[in-house]
Amino acid sequence: MNAPATPAIDVAGLECGYDDNILLENLNFQVGRAEIFFVIGGSGCGKSTLLRHLVGLRKPTAGTVKFFGESFGEADASRQRALLKTFGVLYQGGALWSSLTLRQNISLPLEEYTALKADEREDIIAMKLAQVGLTGYENYYPSEISGGMRKRAALARALALDPAIVFFDEPSAGLDPLTSRNLDELIVNIRDMLGTTCVVVSHELASIFAIANRVIMLDREARGIIADGDPRVLARESADPRVRSFLNRGEIA
């Protein structure tokens, strides 16, 4: 019998906060390879705080985060830099540089983390824009395209280094339902085509029920995880009224 594959992400005993203000404690969960995994919960429960700790923007006060079995916190600076190349981040507002074209925005991680020549970078830029349906927009500035297109352009940049994991911070924020649904479909297509592990921070029920393989739900008072599983099952069967209330705020398709 084959041994189970090492999870894409393994979080053990994680404690998250700012200075002496601990928001989350003793978090334990794993994210499987090629899984679409959602972090959900109400406002102020620590979703974005957890994301910042997962991507290395904040150092946890306790616990470990491992990527494919390797601890990020215990790695030296050069190894941390190498690990950073294995994941991309789609920030809530897209975080594109407004003074740069889409081509230039996507080129940034390629220039920072690779020794590719200009023509090689151009090939990758064209391929990534094609993957998100933005062929022909290479020379547009972020201000010249719609909000949904900016999210897709930011996703193209997050995919520039062919990451094994992509983190999404409230990807549907500010988008209309149709654009949000199209972005959900794009996330699924990227997982299916590239085998990418997708970690999505969101409170949007439509997206949660449409594409999540699994969720963890954070709670502000509990300062931790109060549910872990298939959101459709949790909505019907969770013994915790907080979980059922959150997941049954609207009609479940």
Protein backbone atom coordinates (compact mmCIF):
# COMPACT_ATOMS: atom_id res chain seq x y z
CA MET A 1 0.00 0.00 0.00
CA ASN A 2 1.33 3.42 -0.94
CA ALA A 3 2.00 5.88 1.87
CA PRO A 4 -0.34 8.91 1.90
CA ALA A 5 1.04 11.97 0.14
CA THR A 6 2.49 14.72 2.30
CA PRO A 7 -0.15 17.47 2.57
CA ALA A 8 0.43 20.71 0.72
CA ILE A 9 0.08 22.62 4.00
CA ASP A 10 0.35 21.27 7.54
CA VAL A 11 -0.49 23.67 10.38
CA ALA A 12 0.22 22.48 13.92
CA GLY A 13 -0.35 24.34 17.20
CA LEU A 14 -0.37 27.69 15.41
CA GLU A 15 -0.90 30.84 17.45
CA CYS A 16 -1.59 34.10 15.57
CA GLY A 17 -1.79 37.68 16.73
CA TYR A 18 -0.17 41.07 16.95
CA ASP A 19 2.24 41.75 19.80
CA ASP A 20 0.40 40.67 22.97
CA ASN A 21 -3.02 40.46 21.29
CA ILE A 22 -3.59 36.78 20.49
CA LEU A 23 -6.45 36.35 18.01
CA LEU A 24 -6.14 32.65 17.20
CA GLU A 25 -4.60 29.82 19.20
CA ASN A 26 -3.81 26.13 18.85
CA LEU A 27 -4.82 25.89 15.19
CA ASN A 28 -4.36 22.43 13.71
CA PHE A 29 -5.33 21.57 10.14
CA GLN A 30 -3.99 20.22 6.88
CA VAL A 31 -4.67 21.16 3.27
CA GLY A 32 -4.45 18.36 0.73
CA ARG A 33 -2.72 18.65 -2.60
CA ALA A 34 -4.95 20.10 -5.36
CA GLU A 35 -7.65 20.83 -2.81
CA ILE A 36 -9.83 23.96 -2.95
CA PHE A 37 -9.80 24.83 0.73
CA PHE A 38 -11.74 27.75 2.24
CA VAL A 39 -11.12 29.64 5.47
CA ILE A 40 -14.50 31.04 6.49
CA GLY A 41 -16.10 32.90 9.39
CA GLY A 42 -17.65 36.20 10.38
CA SER A 43 -15.96 39.60 10.45
CA GLY A 44 -13.15 39.91 12.96
CA CYS A 45 -12.68 36.15 13.43
CA GLY A 46 -9.07 36.24 12.19
CA LYS A 47 -9.32 34.99 8.59
CA SER A 48 -6.97 37.60 7.14
CA THR A 49 -4.69 37.33 10.18
CA LEU A 50 -4.34 33.60 9.56
CA LEU A 51 -3.60 34.24 5.89
CA ARG A 52 -0.82 36.69 6.75
CA HIS A 53 0.79 34.06 8.98
CA LEU A 54 0.45 31.33 6.34
CA VAL A 55 2.19 33.38 3.64
CA GLY A 56 5.00 34.51 5.93
CA LEU A 57 4.01 38.16 6.37
CA ARG A 58 3.66 37.61 10.13
CA LYS A 59 5.69 35.31 12.35
CA PRO A 60 3.56 33.07 14.58
CA THR A 61 4.07 33.32 18.31
CA ALA A 62 3.79 29.53 18.53
CA GLY A 63 3.34 26.53 16.27
CA THR A 64 4.50 25.60 12.79
CA VAL A 65 3.44 25.95 9.17
CA LYS A 66 4.85 23.35 6.80
CA PHE A 67 4.69 23.38 3.01
CA PHE A 68 4.99 19.87 1.55
CA GLY A 69 6.60 18.73 4.80
CA GLU A 70 9.08 21.59 5.18
CA SER A 71 8.75 24.14 7.98
CA PHE A 72 8.79 27.71 6.74
CA GLY A 73 9.62 29.21 10.14
CA GLU A 74 12.56 26.87 10.76
CA ALA A 75 14.12 27.45 7.33
CA ASP A 76 17.00 29.87 6.88
CA ALA A 77 16.57 33.05 4.83
CA SER A 78 17.72 31.54 1.54
CA ARG A 79 15.45 28.53 1.93
CA GLN A 80 12.51 30.74 2.89
CA ARG A 81 13.06 32.68 -0.31
CA ALA A 82 12.96 29.41 -2.25
CA LEU A 83 9.76 28.36 -0.49
CA LEU A 84 8.14 31.69 -1.31
CA LYS A 85 8.49 30.78 -4.98
CA THR A 86 6.24 27.76 -4.44
CA PHE A 87 3.13 29.82 -3.71
CA GLY A 88 1.36 32.86 -5.10
CA VAL A 89 -1.03 35.30 -3.45
CA LEU A 90 -4.07 37.07 -4.87
CA TYR A 91 -4.64 39.99 -2.51
CA GLN A 92 -8.12 41.35 -1.86
CA GLY A 93 -7.69 44.50 -3.94
CA GLY A 94 -5.46 42.81 -6.50
CA ALA A 95 -2.47 44.93 -5.40
CA LEU A 96 -1.40 45.63 -8.96
CA TRP A 97 1.03 48.50 -9.46
CA SER A 98 -1.11 51.24 -10.98
CA SER A 99 1.83 52.84 -12.80
CA LEU A 100 2.73 49.58 -14.59
CA THR A 101 1.00 47.79 -17.45
CA LEU A 102 -0.34 44.28 -16.96
CA ARG A 103 2.74 42.96 -18.79
CA GLN A 104 5.03 44.83 -16.39
CA ASN A 105 3.08 43.72 -13.32
CA ILE A 106 3.30 40.06 -14.28
CA SER A 107 6.97 40.43 -15.14
CA LEU A 108 7.88 41.57 -11.63
CA PRO A 109 8.09 38.14 -9.93
CA LEU A 110 9.86 36.73 -12.98
CA GLU A 111 12.51 39.43 -12.73
CA GLU A 112 12.79 39.04 -8.95
CA TYR A 113 12.97 35.26 -8.68
CA THR A 114 14.33 33.98 -12.01
CA ALA A 115 17.21 34.52 -14.41
CA LEU A 116 14.99 34.31 -17.48
CA LYS A 117 15.81 36.43 -20.50
CA ALA A 118 13.37 39.10 -21.69
CA ASP A 119 11.96 36.99 -24.53
CA GLU A 120 11.45 34.05 -22.16
CA ARG A 121 9.59 36.29 -19.73
CA GLU A 122 7.40 37.55 -22.57
CA ASP A 123 6.39 33.97 -23.43
CA ILE A 124 5.37 33.30 -19.83
CA ILE A 125 3.48 36.60 -19.56
CA ALA A 126 1.50 35.78 -22.69
CA MET A 127 0.72 32.28 -21.40
CA LYS A 128 -0.43 33.50 -17.98
CA LEU A 129 -2.67 36.19 -19.48
CA ALA A 130 -4.16 33.54 -21.75
CA GLN A 131 -4.85 31.28 -18.75
CA VAL A 132 -7.00 34.00 -17.15
CA GLY A 133 -8.66 35.11 -20.39
CA LEU A 134 -6.80 38.40 -20.84
CA THR A 135 -4.93 37.84 -24.09
CA GLY A 136 -4.51 41.18 -25.84
CA TYR A 137 -4.50 43.27 -22.65
CA GLU A 138 -0.73 43.19 -22.09
CA ASN A 139 -0.29 46.95 -22.49
CA TYR A 140 -3.33 48.06 -20.52
CA TYR A 141 -2.95 49.76 -17.15
CA PRO A 142 -5.03 48.55 -14.16
CA SER A 143 -7.14 51.72 -14.30
CA GLU A 144 -8.15 50.92 -17.88
CA ILE A 145 -9.85 47.59 -17.12
CA SER A 146 -12.79 46.46 -14.97
CA GLY A 147 -12.57 45.22 -11.39
CA GLY A 148 -13.06 41.62 -12.44
CA MET A 149 -10.34 41.93 -15.05
CA ARG A 150 -7.99 43.42 -12.45
CA LYS A 151 -8.60 40.38 -10.24
CA ARG A 152 -7.79 38.08 -13.16
CA ALA A 153 -4.67 40.09 -14.00
CA ALA A 154 -3.56 39.83 -10.38
CA LEU A 155 -4.17 36.08 -10.57
CA ALA A 156 -2.00 35.90 -13.69
CA ARG A 157 0.78 37.56 -11.69
CA ALA A 158 0.24 35.14 -8.79
CA LEU A 159 0.61 32.26 -11.27
CA ALA A 160 3.74 33.65 -12.93
CA LEU A 161 6.14 31.28 -11.17
CA ASP A 162 3.88 28.21 -11.58
CA PRO A 163 3.25 27.98 -7.82
CA ALA A 164 2.08 24.76 -6.22
CA ILE A 165 -0.19 26.76 -3.88
CA VAL A 166 -2.18 29.94 -4.48
CA PHE A 167 -3.73 31.92 -1.63
CA PHE A 168 -6.80 34.05 -2.34
CA ASP A 169 -7.84 36.86 0.04
CA GLU A 170 -11.58 37.57 -0.43
CA PRO A 171 -11.35 37.15 -4.23
CA SER A 172 -15.04 38.03 -4.79
CA ALA A 173 -14.95 41.25 -2.76
CA GLY A 174 -16.43 44.14 -4.75
CA LEU A 175 -17.48 41.97 -7.69
CA ASP A 176 -20.98 41.49 -9.08
CA PRO A 177 -22.46 37.94 -8.86
CA LEU A 178 -21.73 37.05 -12.49
CA THR A 179 -18.11 38.22 -12.34
CA SER A 180 -17.70 36.44 -9.02
CA ARG A 181 -19.03 33.20 -10.50
CA ASN A 182 -16.65 33.51 -13.44
CA LEU A 183 -13.75 33.93 -11.03
CA ASP A 184 -14.87 30.83 -9.12
CA GLU A 185 -14.84 28.87 -12.38
CA LEU A 186 -11.37 30.18 -13.13
CA ILE A 187 -10.11 28.95 -9.75
CA VAL A 188 -11.51 25.48 -10.46
CA ASN A 189 -9.98 25.46 -13.96
CA ILE A 190 -6.56 26.38 -12.59
CA ARG A 191 -6.79 23.57 -10.03
CA ASP A 192 -7.89 21.09 -12.69
CA MET A 193 -5.34 22.13 -15.34
CA LEU A 194 -2.30 22.72 -13.13
CA GLY A 195 -2.98 20.65 -10.01
CA THR A 196 -2.70 23.82 -7.94
CA THR A 197 -3.70 23.81 -4.28
CA CYS A 198 -6.05 26.76 -3.66
CA VAL A 199 -6.57 28.33 -0.23
CA VAL A 200 -9.41 30.85 -0.26
CA VAL A 201 -10.31 33.28 2.52
CA SER A 202 -13.96 34.21 2.04
CA HIS A 203 -17.36 34.70 3.65
CA GLU A 204 -19.28 34.53 0.35
CA LEU A 205 -21.75 31.64 0.53
CA ALA A 206 -22.17 31.38 -3.24
CA SER A 207 -18.45 30.70 -3.69
CA ILE A 208 -18.20 28.46 -0.64
CA PHE A 209 -20.94 26.12 -1.83
CA ALA A 210 -19.95 26.32 -5.49
CA ILE A 211 -16.28 25.33 -5.35
CA ALA A 212 -15.02 24.49 -1.84
CA ASN A 213 -13.87 20.92 -1.29
CA ARG A 214 -13.45 21.64 2.39
CA VAL A 215 -13.66 24.53 4.84
CA ILE A 216 -12.47 25.45 8.28
CA MET A 217 -14.61 27.97 10.15
CA LEU A 218 -12.98 30.38 12.58
CA ASP A 219 -14.79 31.97 15.50
CA ARG A 220 -13.80 35.16 17.28
CA GLU A 221 -14.88 34.11 20.76
CA ALA A 222 -13.44 30.62 20.46
CA ARG A 223 -10.20 32.10 19.05
CA GLY A 224 -9.90 29.11 16.82
CA ILE A 225 -11.51 26.53 14.55
CA ILE A 226 -15.08 25.48 15.33
CA ALA A 227 -15.73 23.42 12.17
CA ASP A 228 -13.76 21.48 9.58
CA GLY A 229 -15.33 19.64 6.67
CA ASP A 230 -17.53 19.76 3.58
CA PRO A 231 -19.60 22.95 3.84
CA ARG A 232 -22.68 21.26 2.44
CA VAL A 233 -22.56 18.61 5.15
CA LEU A 234 -21.75 21.13 7.87
CA ALA A 235 -24.72 23.31 6.86
CA ARG A 236 -27.07 20.36 7.42
CA GLU A 237 -25.43 18.35 10.16
CA SER A 238 -23.09 20.46 12.30
CA ALA A 239 -23.86 20.20 16.01
CA ASP A 240 -22.68 23.78 16.48
CA PRO A 241 -25.47 26.36 15.98
CA ARG A 242 -22.89 29.00 15.05
CA VAL A 243 -21.79 26.93 12.08
CA ARG A 244 -25.33 26.16 10.91
CA SER A 245 -26.32 29.82 11.30
CA PHE A 246 -23.38 31.05 9.24
CA LEU A 247 -23.81 28.53 6.45
CA ASN A 248 -27.58 28.89 6.24
CA ARG A 249 -27.70 32.68 5.90
CA GLY A 250 -29.18 32.27 2.42
CA GLU A 251 -30.51 29.60 0.14
CA ILE A 252 -28.07 26.84 -0.67
CA ALA A 253 -28.10 25.92 -4.33
